[in-house]
Amino acid sequence: AIYRGEAAPGEDATARAARFQGVVF
């Protein structure tokens, strides 16, 4: 996965899903 912005400390799966931009494969 590629995400928008920087990850916050202790980020969980829900927060990652909100920043989800797409996937490389």
mmCIF file of all heavy atoms, coordinates in Angstrom:
data_MODEL
# 
_entry.id   MODEL 
# 
loop_
_atom_site.group_PDB 
_atom_site.id 
_atom_site.type_symbol 
_atom_site.label_atom_id 
_atom_site.label_alt_id 
_atom_site.label_comp_id 
_atom_site.label_asym_id 
_atom_site.label_entity_id 
_atom_site.label_seq_id 
_atom_site.pdbx_PDB_ins_code 
_atom_site.Cartn_x 
_atom_site.Cartn_y 
_atom_site.Cartn_z 
_atom_site.occupancy 
_atom_site.B_iso_or_equiv 
_atom_site.pdbx_formal_charge 
_atom_site.auth_seq_id 
_atom_site.auth_comp_id 
_atom_site.auth_asym_id 
_atom_site.auth_atom_id 
_atom_site.pdbx_PDB_model_num 
ATOM 1   N N   . ALA A 1 1  ? 0.825   -1.215 0.000   1.00 0.00 ? 1  ALA A N   1 
ATOM 2   C CA  . ALA A 1 1  ? 0.000   0.000  0.000   1.00 0.00 ? 1  ALA A CA  1 
ATOM 3   C C   . ALA A 1 1  ? 0.855   1.259  0.000   1.00 0.00 ? 1  ALA A C   1 
ATOM 4   O O   . ALA A 1 1  ? 1.965   1.301  0.536   1.00 0.00 ? 1  ALA A O   1 
ATOM 5   C CB  . ALA A 1 1  ? -0.915  -0.005 1.218   1.00 0.00 ? 1  ALA A CB  1 
ATOM 6   N N   . ILE A 1 2  ? 0.294   2.313  -0.646  1.00 0.00 ? 2  ILE A N   1 
ATOM 7   C CA  . ILE A 1 2  ? 0.844   3.662  -0.596  1.00 0.00 ? 2  ILE A CA  1 
ATOM 8   C C   . ILE A 1 2  ? -0.174  4.552  0.113   1.00 0.00 ? 2  ILE A C   1 
ATOM 9   O O   . ILE A 1 2  ? -1.377  4.465  -0.161  1.00 0.00 ? 2  ILE A O   1 
ATOM 10  C CB  . ILE A 1 2  ? 1.147   4.197  -2.008  1.00 0.00 ? 2  ILE A CB  1 
ATOM 11  C CG1 . ILE A 1 2  ? 2.288   3.394  -2.644  1.00 0.00 ? 2  ILE A CG1 1 
ATOM 12  C CG2 . ILE A 1 2  ? 1.522   5.672  -1.974  1.00 0.00 ? 2  ILE A CG2 1 
ATOM 13  C CD1 . ILE A 1 2  ? 2.645   3.844  -4.046  1.00 0.00 ? 2  ILE A CD1 1 
ATOM 14  N N   . TYR A 1 3  ? 0.305   5.408  1.011   1.00 0.00 ? 3  TYR A N   1 
ATOM 15  C CA  . TYR A 1 3  ? -0.582  6.257  1.805   1.00 0.00 ? 3  TYR A CA  1 
ATOM 16  C C   . TYR A 1 3  ? -0.263  7.731  1.549   1.00 0.00 ? 3  TYR A C   1 
ATOM 17  O O   . TYR A 1 3  ? 0.872   8.091  1.212   1.00 0.00 ? 3  TYR A O   1 
ATOM 18  C CB  . TYR A 1 3  ? -0.417  5.956  3.309   1.00 0.00 ? 3  TYR A CB  1 
ATOM 19  C CG  . TYR A 1 3  ? -0.629  4.517  3.669   1.00 0.00 ? 3  TYR A CG  1 
ATOM 20  C CD1 . TYR A 1 3  ? 0.455   3.632  3.765   1.00 0.00 ? 3  TYR A CD1 1 
ATOM 21  C CD2 . TYR A 1 3  ? -1.898  4.021  3.914   1.00 0.00 ? 3  TYR A CD2 1 
ATOM 22  C CE1 . TYR A 1 3  ? 0.270   2.305  4.093   1.00 0.00 ? 3  TYR A CE1 1 
ATOM 23  C CE2 . TYR A 1 3  ? -2.097  2.687  4.240   1.00 0.00 ? 3  TYR A CE2 1 
ATOM 24  C CZ  . TYR A 1 3  ? -1.004  1.831  4.326   1.00 0.00 ? 3  TYR A CZ  1 
ATOM 25  O OH  . TYR A 1 3  ? -1.189  0.511  4.653   1.00 0.00 ? 3  TYR A OH  1 
ATOM 26  N N   . ARG A 1 4  ? -1.260  8.563  1.737   1.00 0.00 ? 4  ARG A N   1 
ATOM 27  C CA  . ARG A 1 4  ? -1.071  10.016 1.662   1.00 0.00 ? 4  ARG A CA  1 
ATOM 28  C C   . ARG A 1 4  ? -0.532  10.526 2.999   1.00 0.00 ? 4  ARG A C   1 
ATOM 29  O O   . ARG A 1 4  ? -0.994  10.107 4.053   1.00 0.00 ? 4  ARG A O   1 
ATOM 30  C CB  . ARG A 1 4  ? -2.389  10.726 1.353   1.00 0.00 ? 4  ARG A CB  1 
ATOM 31  C CG  . ARG A 1 4  ? -2.985  10.387 0.001   1.00 0.00 ? 4  ARG A CG  1 
ATOM 32  C CD  . ARG A 1 4  ? -4.262  11.183 -0.246  1.00 0.00 ? 4  ARG A CD  1 
ATOM 33  N NE  . ARG A 1 4  ? -4.864  10.843 -1.521  1.00 0.00 ? 4  ARG A NE  1 
ATOM 34  C CZ  . ARG A 1 4  ? -5.741  9.860  -1.702  1.00 0.00 ? 4  ARG A CZ  1 
ATOM 35  N NH1 . ARG A 1 4  ? -6.114  9.132  -0.656  1.00 0.00 ? 4  ARG A NH1 1 
ATOM 36  N NH2 . ARG A 1 4  ? -6.243  9.625  -2.884  1.00 0.00 ? 4  ARG A NH2 1 
ATOM 37  N N   . GLY A 1 5  ? 0.438   11.433 2.934   1.00 0.00 ? 5  GLY A N   1 
ATOM 38  C CA  . GLY A 1 5  ? 0.925   12.053 4.156   1.00 0.00 ? 5  GLY A CA  1 
ATOM 39  C C   . GLY A 1 5  ? 1.782   11.110 4.976   1.00 0.00 ? 5  GLY A C   1 
ATOM 40  O O   . GLY A 1 5  ? 2.152   10.018 4.553   1.00 0.00 ? 5  GLY A O   1 
ATOM 41  N N   . GLU A 1 6  ? 2.087   11.570 6.185   1.00 0.00 ? 6  GLU A N   1 
ATOM 42  C CA  . GLU A 1 6  ? 2.925   10.815 7.101   1.00 0.00 ? 6  GLU A CA  1 
ATOM 43  C C   . GLU A 1 6  ? 2.082   10.094 8.144   1.00 0.00 ? 6  GLU A C   1 
ATOM 44  O O   . GLU A 1 6  ? 1.028   10.595 8.557   1.00 0.00 ? 6  GLU A O   1 
ATOM 45  C CB  . GLU A 1 6  ? 3.915   11.747 7.796   1.00 0.00 ? 6  GLU A CB  1 
ATOM 46  C CG  . GLU A 1 6  ? 4.910   12.417 6.850   1.00 0.00 ? 6  GLU A CG  1 
ATOM 47  C CD  . GLU A 1 6  ? 5.816   11.409 6.162   1.00 0.00 ? 6  GLU A CD  1 
ATOM 48  O OE1 . GLU A 1 6  ? 6.126   10.372 6.788   1.00 0.00 ? 6  GLU A OE1 1 
ATOM 49  O OE2 . GLU A 1 6  ? 6.209   11.662 4.996   1.00 0.00 ? 6  GLU A OE2 1 
ATOM 50  N N   . ALA A 1 7  ? 2.563   8.942  8.582   1.00 0.00 ? 7  ALA A N   1 
ATOM 51  C CA  . ALA A 1 7  ? 1.852   8.159  9.588   1.00 0.00 ? 7  ALA A CA  1 
ATOM 52  C C   . ALA A 1 7  ? 1.999   8.797  10.960  1.00 0.00 ? 7  ALA A C   1 
ATOM 53  O O   . ALA A 1 7  ? 3.077   9.268  11.330  1.00 0.00 ? 7  ALA A O   1 
ATOM 54  C CB  . ALA A 1 7  ? 2.381   6.733  9.623   1.00 0.00 ? 7  ALA A CB  1 
ATOM 55  N N   . ALA A 1 8  ? 0.895   8.829  11.703  1.00 0.00 ? 8  ALA A N   1 
ATOM 56  C CA  . ALA A 1 8  ? 0.929   9.328  13.068  1.00 0.00 ? 8  ALA A CA  1 
ATOM 57  C C   . ALA A 1 8  ? 1.471   8.247  13.994  1.00 0.00 ? 8  ALA A C   1 
ATOM 58  O O   . ALA A 1 8  ? 1.344   7.061  13.700  1.00 0.00 ? 8  ALA A O   1 
ATOM 59  C CB  . ALA A 1 8  ? -0.478  9.739  13.506  1.00 0.00 ? 8  ALA A CB  1 
ATOM 60  N N   . PRO A 1 9  ? 2.096   8.619  15.112  1.00 0.00 ? 9  PRO A N   1 
ATOM 61  C CA  . PRO A 1 9  ? 2.586   7.612  16.071  1.00 0.00 ? 9  PRO A CA  1 
ATOM 62  C C   . PRO A 1 9  ? 1.445   6.709  16.543  1.00 0.00 ? 9  PRO A C   1 
ATOM 63  O O   . PRO A 1 9  ? 0.360   7.178  16.874  1.00 0.00 ? 9  PRO A O   1 
ATOM 64  C CB  . PRO A 1 9  ? 3.135   8.460  17.221  1.00 0.00 ? 9  PRO A CB  1 
ATOM 65  C CG  . PRO A 1 9  ? 3.459   9.789  16.600  1.00 0.00 ? 9  PRO A CG  1 
ATOM 66  C CD  . PRO A 1 9  ? 2.414   10.004 15.543  1.00 0.00 ? 9  PRO A CD  1 
ATOM 67  N N   . GLY A 1 10 ? 1.707   5.414  16.516  1.00 0.00 ? 10 GLY A N   1 
ATOM 68  C CA  . GLY A 1 10 ? 0.710   4.449  16.971  1.00 0.00 ? 10 GLY A CA  1 
ATOM 69  C C   . GLY A 1 10 ? -0.482  4.319  16.038  1.00 0.00 ? 10 GLY A C   1 
ATOM 70  O O   . GLY A 1 10 ? -1.565  3.910  16.475  1.00 0.00 ? 10 GLY A O   1 
ATOM 71  N N   . GLU A 1 11 ? -0.320  4.617  14.782  1.00 0.00 ? 11 GLU A N   1 
ATOM 72  C CA  . GLU A 1 11 ? -1.430  4.568  13.822  1.00 0.00 ? 11 GLU A CA  1 
ATOM 73  C C   . GLU A 1 11 ? -1.977  3.147  13.694  1.00 0.00 ? 11 GLU A C   1 
ATOM 74  O O   . GLU A 1 11 ? -1.215  2.182  13.589  1.00 0.00 ? 11 GLU A O   1 
ATOM 75  C CB  . GLU A 1 11 ? -0.945  5.068  12.466  1.00 0.00 ? 11 GLU A CB  1 
ATOM 76  C CG  . GLU A 1 11 ? -2.032  5.139  11.399  1.00 0.00 ? 11 GLU A CG  1 
ATOM 77  C CD  . GLU A 1 11 ? -1.490  5.652  10.078  1.00 0.00 ? 11 GLU A CD  1 
ATOM 78  O OE1 . GLU A 1 11 ? -0.502  5.061  9.578   1.00 0.00 ? 11 GLU A OE1 1 
ATOM 79  O OE2 . GLU A 1 11 ? -2.037  6.620  9.546   1.00 0.00 ? 11 GLU A OE2 1 
ATOM 80  N N   . ASP A 1 12 ? -3.308  3.014  13.675  1.00 0.00 ? 12 ASP A N   1 
ATOM 81  C CA  . ASP A 1 12 ? -3.922  1.702  13.540  1.00 0.00 ? 12 ASP A CA  1 
ATOM 82  C C   . ASP A 1 12 ? -4.435  1.493  12.127  1.00 0.00 ? 12 ASP A C   1 
ATOM 83  O O   . ASP A 1 12 ? -4.302  2.363  11.251  1.00 0.00 ? 12 ASP A O   1 
ATOM 84  C CB  . ASP A 1 12 ? -5.040  1.521  14.567  1.00 0.00 ? 12 ASP A CB  1 
ATOM 85  C CG  . ASP A 1 12 ? -6.143  2.563  14.424  1.00 0.00 ? 12 ASP A CG  1 
ATOM 86  O OD1 . ASP A 1 12 ? -6.165  3.282  13.393  1.00 0.00 ? 12 ASP A OD1 1 
ATOM 87  O OD2 . ASP A 1 12 ? -6.981  2.669  15.340  1.00 0.00 ? 12 ASP A OD2 1 
ATOM 88  N N   . ALA A 1 13 ? -5.072  0.337  11.911  1.00 0.00 ? 13 ALA A N   1 
ATOM 89  C CA  . ALA A 1 13 ? -5.542  -0.010 10.572  1.00 0.00 ? 13 ALA A CA  1 
ATOM 90  C C   . ALA A 1 13 ? -6.610  0.949  10.073  1.00 0.00 ? 13 ALA A C   1 
ATOM 91  O O   . ALA A 1 13 ? -6.665  1.273  8.876   1.00 0.00 ? 13 ALA A O   1 
ATOM 92  C CB  . ALA A 1 13 ? -6.069  -1.444 10.567  1.00 0.00 ? 13 ALA A CB  1 
ATOM 93  N N   . THR A 1 14 ? -7.466  1.439  10.956  1.00 0.00 ? 14 THR A N   1 
ATOM 94  C CA  . THR A 1 14 ? -8.522  2.370  10.536  1.00 0.00 ? 14 THR A CA  1 
ATOM 95  C C   . THR A 1 14 ? -7.927  3.677  10.037  1.00 0.00 ? 14 THR A C   1 
ATOM 96  O O   . THR A 1 14 ? -8.357  4.229  9.012   1.00 0.00 ? 14 THR A O   1 
ATOM 97  C CB  . THR A 1 14 ? -9.474  2.640  11.716  1.00 0.00 ? 14 THR A CB  1 
ATOM 98  O OG1 . THR A 1 14 ? -10.025 1.400  12.165  1.00 0.00 ? 14 THR A OG1 1 
ATOM 99  C CG2 . THR A 1 14 ? -10.594 3.580  11.298  1.00 0.00 ? 14 THR A CG2 1 
ATOM 100 N N   . ALA A 1 15 ? -6.916  4.180  10.753  1.00 0.00 ? 15 ALA A N   1 
ATOM 101 C CA  . ALA A 1 15 ? -6.261  5.418  10.327  1.00 0.00 ? 15 ALA A CA  1 
ATOM 102 C C   . ALA A 1 15 ? -5.523  5.215  9.005   1.00 0.00 ? 15 ALA A C   1 
ATOM 103 O O   . ALA A 1 15 ? -5.511  6.107  8.147   1.00 0.00 ? 15 ALA A O   1 
ATOM 104 C CB  . ALA A 1 15 ? -5.301  5.881  11.414  1.00 0.00 ? 15 ALA A CB  1 
ATOM 105 N N   . ARG A 1 16 ? -4.922  4.053  8.839   1.00 0.00 ? 16 ARG A N   1 
ATOM 106 C CA  . ARG A 1 16 ? -4.241  3.789  7.572   1.00 0.00 ? 16 ARG A CA  1 
ATOM 107 C C   . ARG A 1 16 ? -5.234  3.745  6.414   1.00 0.00 ? 16 ARG A C   1 
ATOM 108 O O   . ARG A 1 16 ? -4.955  4.242  5.323   1.00 0.00 ? 16 ARG A O   1 
ATOM 109 C CB  . ARG A 1 16 ? -3.498  2.451  7.642   1.00 0.00 ? 16 ARG A CB  1 
ATOM 110 C CG  . ARG A 1 16 ? -2.307  2.420  8.573   1.00 0.00 ? 16 ARG A CG  1 
ATOM 111 C CD  . ARG A 1 16 ? -1.475  1.171  8.332   1.00 0.00 ? 16 ARG A CD  1 
ATOM 112 N NE  . ARG A 1 16 ? -0.488  0.980  9.383   1.00 0.00 ? 16 ARG A NE  1 
ATOM 113 C CZ  . ARG A 1 16 ? -0.632  0.161  10.400  1.00 0.00 ? 16 ARG A CZ  1 
ATOM 114 N NH1 . ARG A 1 16 ? -1.733  -0.577 10.509  1.00 0.00 ? 16 ARG A NH1 1 
ATOM 115 N NH2 . ARG A 1 16 ? 0.305   0.047  11.317  1.00 0.00 ? 16 ARG A NH2 1 
ATOM 116 N N   . ALA A 1 17 ? -6.397  3.153  6.649   1.00 0.00 ? 17 ALA A N   1 
ATOM 117 C CA  . ALA A 1 17 ? -7.406  3.073  5.589   1.00 0.00 ? 17 ALA A CA  1 
ATOM 118 C C   . ALA A 1 17 ? -7.853  4.459  5.148   1.00 0.00 ? 17 ALA A C   1 
ATOM 119 O O   . ALA A 1 17 ? -8.148  4.689  3.969   1.00 0.00 ? 17 ALA A O   1 
ATOM 120 C CB  . ALA A 1 17 ? -8.592  2.249  6.069   1.00 0.00 ? 17 ALA A CB  1 
ATOM 121 N N   . ALA A 1 18 ? -7.903  5.413  6.085   1.00 0.00 ? 18 ALA A N   1 
ATOM 122 C CA  . ALA A 1 18 ? -8.310  6.774  5.734   1.00 0.00 ? 18 ALA A CA  1 
ATOM 123 C C   . ALA A 1 18 ? -7.268  7.453  4.852   1.00 0.00 ? 18 ALA A C   1 
ATOM 124 O O   . ALA A 1 18 ? -7.612  8.312  4.022   1.00 0.00 ? 18 ALA A O   1 
ATOM 125 C CB  . ALA A 1 18 ? -8.538  7.584  7.011   1.00 0.00 ? 18 ALA A CB  1 
ATOM 126 N N   . ARG A 1 19 ? -5.981  7.108  5.031   1.00 0.00 ? 19 ARG A N   1 
ATOM 127 C CA  . ARG A 1 19 ? -4.919  7.721  4.234   1.00 0.00 ? 19 ARG A CA  1 
ATOM 128 C C   . ARG A 1 19 ? -4.567  6.893  2.996   1.00 0.00 ? 19 ARG A C   1 
ATOM 129 O O   . ARG A 1 19 ? -3.673  7.255  2.235   1.00 0.00 ? 19 ARG A O   1 
ATOM 130 C CB  . ARG A 1 19 ? -3.648  7.876  5.091   1.00 0.00 ? 19 ARG A CB  1 
ATOM 131 C CG  . ARG A 1 19 ? -3.784  8.809  6.265   1.00 0.00 ? 19 ARG A CG  1 
ATOM 132 C CD  . ARG A 1 19 ? -2.416  9.121  6.896   1.00 0.00 ? 19 ARG A CD  1 
ATOM 133 N NE  . ARG A 1 19 ? -1.653  7.952  7.287   1.00 0.00 ? 19 ARG A NE  1 
ATOM 134 C CZ  . ARG A 1 19 ? -0.537  7.546  6.682   1.00 0.00 ? 19 ARG A CZ  1 
ATOM 135 N NH1 . ARG A 1 19 ? -0.073  8.198  5.620   1.00 0.00 ? 19 ARG A NH1 1 
ATOM 136 N NH2 . ARG A 1 19 ? 0.110   6.481  7.117   1.00 0.00 ? 19 ARG A NH2 1 
ATOM 137 N N   . PHE A 1 20 ? -5.245  5.792  2.802   1.00 0.00 ? 20 PHE A N   1 
ATOM 138 C CA  . PHE A 1 20 ? -4.918  4.871  1.714   1.00 0.00 ? 20 PHE A CA  1 
ATOM 139 C C   . PHE A 1 20 ? -5.054  5.561  0.354   1.00 0.00 ? 20 PHE A C   1 
ATOM 140 O O   . PHE A 1 20 ? -6.090  6.145  0.028   1.00 0.00 ? 20 PHE A O   1 
ATOM 141 C CB  . PHE A 1 20 ? -5.839  3.665  1.800   1.00 0.00 ? 20 PHE A CB  1 
ATOM 142 C CG  . PHE A 1 20 ? -5.623  2.621  0.742   1.00 0.00 ? 20 PHE A CG  1 
ATOM 143 C CD1 . PHE A 1 20 ? -4.409  1.961  0.616   1.00 0.00 ? 20 PHE A CD1 1 
ATOM 144 C CD2 . PHE A 1 20 ? -6.638  2.287  -0.146  1.00 0.00 ? 20 PHE A CD2 1 
ATOM 145 C CE1 . PHE A 1 20 ? -4.210  0.989  -0.343  1.00 0.00 ? 20 PHE A CE1 1 
ATOM 146 C CE2 . PHE A 1 20 ? -6.449  1.313  -1.113  1.00 0.00 ? 20 PHE A CE2 1 
ATOM 147 C CZ  . PHE A 1 20 ? -5.234  0.663  -1.213  1.00 0.00 ? 20 PHE A CZ  1 
ATOM 148 N N   . GLN A 1 21 ? -4.001  5.476  -0.451  1.00 0.00 ? 21 GLN A N   1 
ATOM 149 C CA  . GLN A 1 21 ? -3.989  6.111  -1.773  1.00 0.00 ? 21 GLN A CA  1 
ATOM 150 C C   . GLN A 1 21 ? -4.072  5.084  -2.900  1.00 0.00 ? 21 GLN A C   1 
ATOM 151 O O   . GLN A 1 21 ? -4.705  5.324  -3.927  1.00 0.00 ? 21 GLN A O   1 
ATOM 152 C CB  . GLN A 1 21 ? -2.706  6.941  -1.941  1.00 0.00 ? 21 GLN A CB  1 
ATOM 153 C CG  . GLN A 1 21 ? -2.535  7.570  -3.317  1.00 0.00 ? 21 GLN A CG  1 
ATOM 154 C CD  . GLN A 1 21 ? -1.230  8.338  -3.432  1.00 0.00 ? 21 GLN A CD  1 
ATOM 155 O OE1 . GLN A 1 21 ? -0.643  8.728  -2.429  1.00 0.00 ? 21 GLN A OE1 1 
ATOM 156 N NE2 . GLN A 1 21 ? -0.768  8.549  -4.650  1.00 0.00 ? 21 GLN A NE2 1 
ATOM 157 N N   . GLY A 1 22 ? -3.436  3.950  -2.717  1.00 0.00 ? 22 GLY A N   1 
ATOM 158 C CA  . GLY A 1 22 ? -3.426  2.923  -3.750  1.00 0.00 ? 22 GLY A CA  1 
ATOM 159 C C   . GLY A 1 22 ? -2.405  1.850  -3.404  1.00 0.00 ? 22 GLY A C   1 
ATOM 160 O O   . GLY A 1 22 ? -1.880  1.804  -2.289  1.00 0.00 ? 22 GLY A O   1 
ATOM 161 N N   . VAL A 1 23 ? -2.112  0.985  -4.372  1.00 0.00 ? 23 VAL A N   1 
ATOM 162 C CA  . VAL A 1 23 ? -1.147  -0.082 -4.160  1.00 0.00 ? 23 VAL A CA  1 
ATOM 163 C C   . VAL A 1 23 ? -0.203  -0.178 -5.355  1.00 0.00 ? 23 VAL A C   1 
ATOM 164 O O   . VAL A 1 23 ? -0.592  0.066  -6.495  1.00 0.00 ? 23 VAL A O   1 
ATOM 165 C CB  . VAL A 1 23 ? -1.826  -1.455 -3.944  1.00 0.00 ? 23 VAL A CB  1 
ATOM 166 C CG1 . VAL A 1 23 ? -2.571  -1.507 -2.634  1.00 0.00 ? 23 VAL A CG1 1 
ATOM 167 C CG2 . VAL A 1 23 ? -2.727  -1.815 -5.117  1.00 0.00 ? 23 VAL A CG2 1 
ATOM 168 N N   . VAL A 1 24 ? 1.042   -0.517 -5.062  1.00 0.00 ? 24 VAL A N   1 
ATOM 169 C CA  . VAL A 1 24 ? 1.961   -0.953 -6.107  1.00 0.00 ? 24 VAL A CA  1 
ATOM 170 C C   . VAL A 1 24 ? 1.989   -2.471 -6.065  1.00 0.00 ? 24 VAL A C   1 
ATOM 171 O O   . VAL A 1 24 ? 1.699   -3.095 -5.033  1.00 0.00 ? 24 VAL A O   1 
ATOM 172 C CB  . VAL A 1 24 ? 3.372   -0.372 -5.903  1.00 0.00 ? 24 VAL A CB  1 
ATOM 173 C CG1 . VAL A 1 24 ? 3.376   1.114  -6.161  1.00 0.00 ? 24 VAL A CG1 1 
ATOM 174 C CG2 . VAL A 1 24 ? 3.898   -0.686 -4.516  1.00 0.00 ? 24 VAL A CG2 1 
ATOM 175 N N   . PHE A 1 25 ? 2.343   -3.085 -7.173  1.00 0.00 ? 25 PHE A N   1 
ATOM 176 C CA  . PHE A 1 25 ? 2.328   -4.553 -7.217  1.00 0.00 ? 25 PHE A CA  1 
ATOM 177 C C   . PHE A 1 25 ? 3.356   -5.074 -8.196  1.00 0.00 ? 25 PHE A C   1 
ATOM 178 O O   . PHE A 1 25 ? 3.809   -4.359 -9.110  1.00 0.00 ? 25 PHE A O   1 
ATOM 179 C CB  . PHE A 1 25 ? 0.937   -5.077 -7.594  1.00 0.00 ? 25 PHE A CB  1 
ATOM 180 C CG  . PHE A 1 25 ? 0.503   -4.691 -8.984  1.00 0.00 ? 25 PHE A CG  1 
ATOM 181 C CD1 . PHE A 1 25 ? 0.846   -5.478 -10.090 1.00 0.00 ? 25 PHE A CD1 1 
ATOM 182 C CD2 . PHE A 1 25 ? -0.243  -3.539 -9.202  1.00 0.00 ? 25 PHE A CD2 1 
ATOM 183 C CE1 . PHE A 1 25 ? 0.446   -5.127 -11.372 1.00 0.00 ? 25 PHE A CE1 1 
ATOM 184 C CE2 . PHE A 1 25 ? -0.648  -3.181 -10.472 1.00 0.00 ? 25 PHE A CE2 1 
ATOM 185 C CZ  . PHE A 1 25 ? -0.302  -3.974 -11.565 1.00 0.00 ? 25 PHE A CZ  1 
# 
